[in-house]
């Protein structure tokens, strides 16, 4: 383990040695790192801070914690059922590991013709999610050091991000839970709003949109063509991908897996419960609980995807 850690540290040092001279020549709002261009800012907004100071925002954050726990249980149940159903079944395009990559033209369910809608959906999902983290930080009086958008190879929008101040590490467990949970709730809100539009008279049938993009996998047909995507219309395509991608980002982050928001809330909930009963859980036991839960859920995800090949 020590050798592996040392190897990662050496790779990081070498990368910094290459990146630092380049970053020194870039405009103050840009920097690079491991093939990613970061367009960022360290500025704050008085209006944003004033909104975060409202009493209702903290109650909204508390609701987010409850919502995340409900989603966490629901997603684990869904993944467990999916893993059980995957065993003993014939593989389809849904089980192709390549189709877990959200890149149009690579993922068969994401035709190139839908690229603008997918990029828009990904940008909205990540910005809304990270904006939730930022809002919770400011509501709790925690500074945000940096926020921005990561562009893969300087072109493809990869994700929005927020870097809280180190004060978050010293904050109470409840505060950290609010910060980690709010991003998931914001994804859920966008999912519901876009879903409402998708089900309205402004768009084609949601069933039609789903069958266009995914129905062919069940029938053994062909992936959607550019004509099929265009026939749905821009409003239907936009709302469909807003629903799908926000739901996926939110549900994925709700899973109790260590690095994800759900895993962090699980870890913090152990501390919060310990504070209530005035008992300190040994750090080793806490880590083992989070690691065991994370490993179990990751194992279920793997089986759900590659189960038909086992």
Protein backbone atom coordinates (compact mmCIF):
# COMPACT_ATOMS: atom_id res chain seq x y z
CA UNK A 1 0.00 0.00 0.00
CA UNK A 2 2.86 2.35 0.85
CA UNK A 3 4.49 1.72 -2.52
CA UNK A 4 1.22 2.45 -4.33
CA UNK A 5 0.72 5.68 -2.38
CA UNK A 6 4.29 6.70 -3.15
CA UNK A 7 3.76 5.97 -6.84
CA UNK A 8 0.65 8.17 -6.97
CA UNK A 9 2.53 10.94 -5.15
CA UNK A 10 5.39 10.81 -7.66
CA UNK A 11 2.96 10.89 -10.60
CA UNK A 12 1.21 13.89 -9.05
CA UNK A 13 4.50 15.70 -8.50
CA UNK A 14 5.56 15.12 -12.10
CA UNK A 15 2.18 16.31 -13.39
CA UNK A 16 2.44 19.49 -11.30
CA UNK A 17 5.94 20.10 -12.64
CA UNK A 18 4.51 20.14 -16.16
CA UNK A 19 1.27 21.98 -15.37
CA UNK A 20 2.58 24.78 -13.14
CA UNK A 21 4.60 26.62 -15.87
CA UNK A 22 1.60 26.37 -18.22
CA UNK A 23 -0.87 27.62 -15.61
CA UNK A 24 1.44 30.56 -14.86
CA UNK A 25 0.96 31.74 -18.47
CA UNK A 26 -2.80 31.19 -18.64
CA UNK A 27 -5.37 33.89 -17.77
CA UNK A 28 -6.26 34.01 -14.04
CA UNK A 29 -9.61 32.28 -14.66
CA UNK A 30 -8.08 29.22 -16.39
CA UNK A 31 -5.88 26.32 -15.31
CA UNK A 32 -5.14 22.79 -16.51
CA UNK A 33 -4.80 19.45 -14.77
CA UNK A 34 -4.54 15.90 -16.18
CA UNK A 35 -6.06 16.67 -19.58
CA UNK A 36 -8.80 18.88 -18.12
CA UNK A 37 -9.15 22.64 -18.56
CA UNK A 38 -10.74 24.37 -15.57
CA UNK A 39 -12.64 27.61 -16.13
CA UNK A 40 -13.03 28.87 -12.59
CA UNK A 41 -13.58 31.83 -10.32
CA UNK A 42 -12.87 32.64 -6.69
CA UNK A 43 -15.32 35.55 -6.61
CA UNK A 44 -18.37 35.55 -4.36
CA UNK A 45 -21.84 36.97 -4.93
CA UNK A 46 -23.53 39.19 -2.36
CA UNK A 47 -26.93 38.26 -3.77
CA UNK A 48 -26.14 34.56 -3.51
CA UNK A 49 -24.92 34.98 0.06
CA UNK A 50 -28.02 37.02 0.96
CA UNK A 51 -30.26 34.30 -0.43
CA UNK A 52 -28.30 31.61 1.46
CA UNK A 53 -28.81 33.56 4.71
CA UNK A 54 -32.58 33.10 4.60
CA UNK A 55 -34.01 30.87 7.32
CA UNK A 56 -35.85 28.72 4.82
CA UNK A 57 -32.59 27.65 3.17
CA UNK A 58 -31.39 25.75 6.24
CA UNK A 59 -34.76 23.98 6.50
CA UNK A 60 -34.41 23.15 2.80
CA UNK A 61 -30.99 21.65 3.59
CA UNK A 62 -32.45 19.59 6.45
CA UNK A 63 -35.13 18.28 4.10
CA UNK A 64 -32.33 17.30 1.69
CA UNK A 65 -30.81 15.00 4.32
CA UNK A 66 -34.11 13.16 4.75
CA UNK A 67 -34.64 12.97 0.99
CA UNK A 68 -31.14 11.57 0.48
CA UNK A 69 -31.70 8.79 3.03
CA UNK A 70 -35.00 7.83 1.34
CA UNK A 71 -33.32 7.82 -2.08
CA UNK A 72 -30.41 5.87 -0.64
CA UNK A 73 -32.65 3.04 0.54
CA UNK A 74 -34.64 3.11 -2.70
CA UNK A 75 -31.59 3.03 -4.97
CA UNK A 76 -29.97 0.17 -3.04
CA UNK A 77 -33.21 -1.82 -3.38
CA UNK A 78 -33.37 -1.07 -7.10
CA UNK A 79 -29.74 -2.04 -7.65
CA UNK A 80 -30.26 -5.26 -5.66
CA UNK A 81 -33.28 -6.19 -7.78
CA UNK A 82 -31.41 -5.30 -10.98
CA UNK A 83 -28.44 -7.44 -9.93
CA UNK A 84 -30.71 -10.40 -9.17
CA UNK A 85 -32.54 -10.07 -12.48
CA UNK A 86 -29.27 -9.77 -14.41
CA UNK A 87 -28.03 -13.20 -13.33
CA UNK A 88 -29.05 -15.94 -15.72
CA UNK A 89 -30.36 -13.58 -18.40
CA UNK A 90 -29.14 -13.18 -21.94
CA UNK A 91 -27.01 -10.04 -22.33
CA UNK A 92 -28.43 -7.09 -24.27
CA UNK A 93 -27.09 -3.68 -25.24
CA UNK A 94 -28.13 -2.50 -21.76
CA UNK A 95 -25.44 -4.76 -20.29
CA UNK A 96 -22.64 -3.65 -22.59
CA UNK A 97 -20.08 -1.86 -20.36
CA UNK A 98 -19.41 0.57 -23.21
CA UNK A 99 -22.97 1.84 -22.83
CA UNK A 100 -22.25 2.99 -19.28
CA UNK A 101 -20.05 5.76 -20.74
CA UNK A 102 -22.00 8.98 -21.30
CA UNK A 103 -20.35 9.91 -24.59
CA UNK A 104 -22.58 10.42 -27.65
CA UNK A 105 -21.57 8.17 -30.51
CA UNK A 106 -19.84 5.72 -28.14
CA UNK A 107 -22.87 4.89 -26.03
CA UNK A 108 -25.42 3.30 -28.38
CA UNK A 109 -28.26 4.93 -26.47
CA UNK A 110 -26.75 8.35 -27.08
CA UNK A 111 -26.70 8.94 -30.83
CA UNK A 112 -24.60 11.78 -32.18
CA UNK A 113 -27.76 13.60 -33.25
CA UNK A 114 -28.71 14.01 -29.59
CA UNK A 115 -25.34 15.51 -28.57
CA UNK A 116 -26.60 19.08 -27.96
CA UNK A 117 -29.35 17.82 -25.66
CA UNK A 118 -27.03 15.45 -23.78
CA UNK A 119 -24.37 18.13 -23.26
CA UNK A 120 -27.03 20.56 -22.04
CA UNK A 121 -28.43 17.90 -19.70
CA UNK A 122 -24.99 17.08 -18.27
CA UNK A 123 -24.10 20.75 -17.76
CA UNK A 124 -27.42 21.48 -16.03
CA UNK A 125 -27.15 18.34 -13.87
CA UNK A 126 -23.63 19.11 -12.67
CA UNK A 127 -24.11 22.87 -12.23
CA UNK A 128 -27.36 22.38 -10.31
CA UNK A 129 -25.76 19.67 -8.17
CA UNK A 130 -22.64 21.67 -7.34
CA UNK A 131 -24.72 24.81 -6.89
CA UNK A 132 -26.56 22.95 -4.15
CA UNK A 133 -23.30 22.24 -2.36
CA UNK A 134 -22.32 25.92 -2.68
CA UNK A 135 -25.69 27.11 -1.36
CA UNK A 136 -25.47 24.83 1.67
CA UNK A 137 -21.89 25.99 2.34
CA UNK A 138 -22.88 29.64 2.37
CA UNK A 139 -25.99 28.93 4.46
CA UNK A 140 -23.68 27.36 7.05
CA UNK A 141 -21.18 30.22 6.88
CA UNK A 142 -18.51 28.14 5.12
CA UNK A 143 -16.55 30.04 2.43
CA UNK A 144 -16.30 28.64 -1.10
CA UNK A 145 -12.69 28.79 -2.24
CA UNK A 146 -13.33 28.14 -5.91
CA UNK A 147 -16.10 27.19 -8.32
CA UNK A 148 -16.14 26.53 -12.04
CA UNK A 149 -16.58 24.14 -14.94
CA UNK A 150 -14.20 21.35 -15.97
CA UNK A 151 -13.71 20.91 -19.74
CA UNK A 152 -12.26 17.61 -20.93
CA UNK A 153 -9.41 18.35 -23.34
CA UNK A 154 -10.50 21.98 -23.08
CA UNK A 155 -13.62 21.38 -25.18
CA UNK A 156 -16.11 18.86 -23.76
CA UNK A 157 -18.05 20.04 -20.66
CA UNK A 158 -17.21 17.44 -18.04
CA UNK A 159 -18.70 18.76 -14.81
CA UNK A 160 -19.29 21.77 -12.65
CA UNK A 161 -17.44 21.80 -9.34
CA UNK A 162 -17.25 23.64 -6.03
CA UNK A 163 -14.29 23.64 -3.64
CA UNK A 164 -15.37 24.48 -0.08
CA UNK A 165 -13.00 26.07 2.39
CA UNK A 166 -11.11 23.83 4.83
CA UNK A 167 -13.57 25.05 7.48
CA UNK A 168 -15.96 22.35 6.24
CA UNK A 169 -13.69 19.68 7.73
CA UNK A 170 -13.99 21.26 11.18
CA UNK A 171 -17.74 21.87 10.95
CA UNK A 172 -20.28 19.80 12.94
CA UNK A 173 -21.49 16.55 11.38
CA UNK A 174 -24.95 18.02 10.78
CA UNK A 175 -23.47 20.88 8.79
CA UNK A 176 -21.43 18.56 6.60
CA UNK A 177 -24.50 16.38 6.01
CA UNK A 178 -26.43 19.43 4.78
CA UNK A 179 -23.64 20.36 2.38
CA UNK A 180 -23.28 16.85 0.95
CA UNK A 181 -27.03 16.20 0.64
CA UNK A 182 -28.31 19.35 -1.05
CA UNK A 183 -26.82 18.62 -4.48
CA UNK A 184 -28.87 15.42 -4.79
CA UNK A 185 -32.07 17.22 -3.86
CA UNK A 186 -31.50 19.88 -6.50
CA UNK A 187 -31.08 17.17 -9.15
CA UNK A 188 -34.37 15.70 -7.99
CA UNK A 189 -36.11 19.08 -8.34
CA UNK A 190 -34.89 19.49 -11.93
CA UNK A 191 -35.99 15.91 -12.68
CA UNK A 192 -39.51 16.62 -11.43
CA UNK A 193 -39.80 19.98 -13.23
CA UNK A 194 -38.48 18.67 -16.56
CA UNK A 195 -40.65 15.57 -16.14
CA UNK A 196 -43.73 17.74 -15.69
CA UNK A 197 -42.98 19.54 -18.96
CA UNK A 198 -42.29 16.23 -20.68
CA UNK A 199 -45.72 14.95 -19.66
CA UNK A 200 -47.49 18.13 -20.77
CA UNK A 201 -49.05 18.93 -24.13
CA UNK A 202 -45.91 20.87 -25.09
CA UNK A 203 -43.99 17.70 -25.95
CA UNK A 204 -44.39 14.33 -27.59
CA UNK A 205 -45.33 11.36 -25.41
CA UNK A 206 -42.66 10.48 -22.80
CA UNK A 207 -43.28 6.85 -23.75
CA UNK A 208 -42.46 7.67 -27.35
CA UNK A 209 -39.22 9.36 -26.31
CA UNK A 210 -38.23 6.42 -24.09
CA UNK A 211 -38.98 3.86 -26.81
CA UNK A 212 -37.04 5.89 -29.36
CA UNK A 213 -33.87 5.88 -27.26
CA UNK A 214 -34.16 2.58 -25.37
CA UNK A 215 -36.95 0.46 -26.82
CA UNK A 216 -34.78 -0.99 -29.58
CA UNK A 217 -32.61 -2.82 -27.02
CA UNK A 218 -35.59 -4.88 -25.83
CA UNK A 219 -36.83 -5.69 -29.34
CA UNK A 220 -33.43 -6.39 -30.87
CA UNK A 221 -33.77 -3.47 -33.30
CA UNK A 222 -31.37 -0.74 -34.32
CA UNK A 223 -30.14 2.25 -32.34
CA UNK A 224 -32.08 5.49 -33.00
CA UNK A 225 -31.28 7.35 -36.18
CA UNK A 226 -30.85 11.10 -36.60
CA UNK A 227 -34.30 11.22 -38.22
CA UNK A 228 -35.89 9.46 -35.23
CA UNK A 229 -34.24 11.92 -32.83
CA UNK A 230 -35.32 14.93 -34.91
CA UNK A 231 -38.90 13.64 -35.07
CA UNK A 232 -39.20 14.01 -31.29
CA UNK A 233 -38.56 17.74 -31.50
CA UNK A 234 -36.17 19.96 -29.49
CA UNK A 235 -38.43 20.44 -26.44
CA UNK A 236 -39.05 16.71 -26.00
CA UNK A 237 -35.37 15.86 -26.47
CA UNK A 238 -34.25 18.58 -24.04
CA UNK A 239 -36.71 17.56 -21.31
CA UNK A 240 -36.05 13.84 -21.81
CA UNK A 241 -32.31 14.21 -21.26
CA UNK A 242 -32.79 16.68 -18.42
CA UNK A 243 -34.95 14.08 -16.67
CA UNK A 244 -32.68 11.14 -17.43
CA UNK A 245 -29.34 12.76 -16.61
CA UNK A 246 -30.47 14.65 -13.51
CA UNK A 247 -32.12 11.49 -12.17
CA UNK A 248 -28.96 9.50 -12.85
CA UNK A 249 -26.63 12.06 -11.27
CA UNK A 250 -28.88 12.38 -8.24
CA UNK A 251 -29.52 8.67 -7.70
CA UNK A 252 -25.90 7.72 -8.31
CA UNK A 253 -24.68 10.27 -5.79
CA UNK A 254 -27.26 9.08 -3.27
CA UNK A 255 -25.73 5.60 -3.18
CA UNK A 256 -23.81 4.81 0.04
CA UNK A 257 -20.45 4.59 -1.70
CA UNK A 258 -17.50 6.24 0.08
CA UNK A 259 -16.46 9.03 -2.34
CA UNK A 260 -20.04 9.90 -3.35
CA UNK A 261 -22.37 12.21 -1.45
CA UNK A 262 -24.35 9.25 -0.13
CA UNK A 263 -21.23 7.65 1.29
CA UNK A 264 -20.16 10.90 2.91
CA UNK A 265 -23.58 11.41 4.48
CA UNK A 266 -23.47 7.82 5.75
CA UNK A 267 -20.11 8.53 7.39
CA UNK A 268 -21.31 11.80 8.89
CA UNK A 269 -24.55 10.21 10.11
CA UNK A 270 -22.49 7.83 12.24
CA UNK A 271 -20.83 10.83 13.88
CA UNK A 272 -24.17 12.62 14.30
CA UNK A 273 -25.73 9.54 15.91
CA UNK A 274 -22.70 9.20 18.18
CA UNK A 275 -23.10 12.79 19.36
CA UNK A 276 -26.74 12.20 20.22
CA UNK A 277 -26.09 9.15 22.40
CA UNK A 278 -22.86 10.60 23.77
CA UNK A 279 -20.77 7.69 22.50
CA UNK A 280 -17.75 7.92 20.25
CA UNK A 281 -17.62 5.25 17.57
CA UNK A 282 -14.02 4.02 17.13
CA UNK A 283 -12.59 5.45 13.87
CA UNK A 284 -11.64 1.96 12.68
CA UNK A 285 -15.20 0.69 13.12
CA UNK A 286 -16.55 3.74 11.31
CA UNK A 287 -14.19 3.22 8.36
CA UNK A 288 -14.98 -0.50 8.21
CA UNK A 289 -18.71 0.24 8.14
CA UNK A 290 -18.37 2.70 5.28
CA UNK A 291 -15.92 0.49 3.35
CA UNK A 292 -18.08 -2.63 3.76
CA UNK A 293 -21.23 -0.79 2.67
CA UNK A 294 -19.43 0.77 -0.28
CA UNK A 295 -17.95 -2.56 -1.38
CA UNK A 296 -21.33 -4.29 -1.15
CA UNK A 297 -23.09 -1.65 -3.27
CA UNK A 298 -20.30 -1.48 -5.84
CA UNK A 299 -20.45 -5.26 -6.12
CA UNK A 300 -24.20 -5.07 -6.78
CA UNK A 301 -23.64 -2.44 -9.48
CA UNK A 302 -21.05 -4.62 -11.20
CA UNK A 303 -23.37 -7.65 -11.12
CA UNK A 304 -26.27 -5.56 -12.44
CA UNK A 305 -24.16 -4.58 -15.45
CA UNK A 306 -22.17 -7.72 -16.24
CA UNK A 307 -24.43 -10.30 -14.57
CA UNK A 308 -25.65 -11.80 -17.87
CA UNK A 309 -22.03 -12.56 -18.78
CA UNK A 310 -21.36 -14.46 -15.55
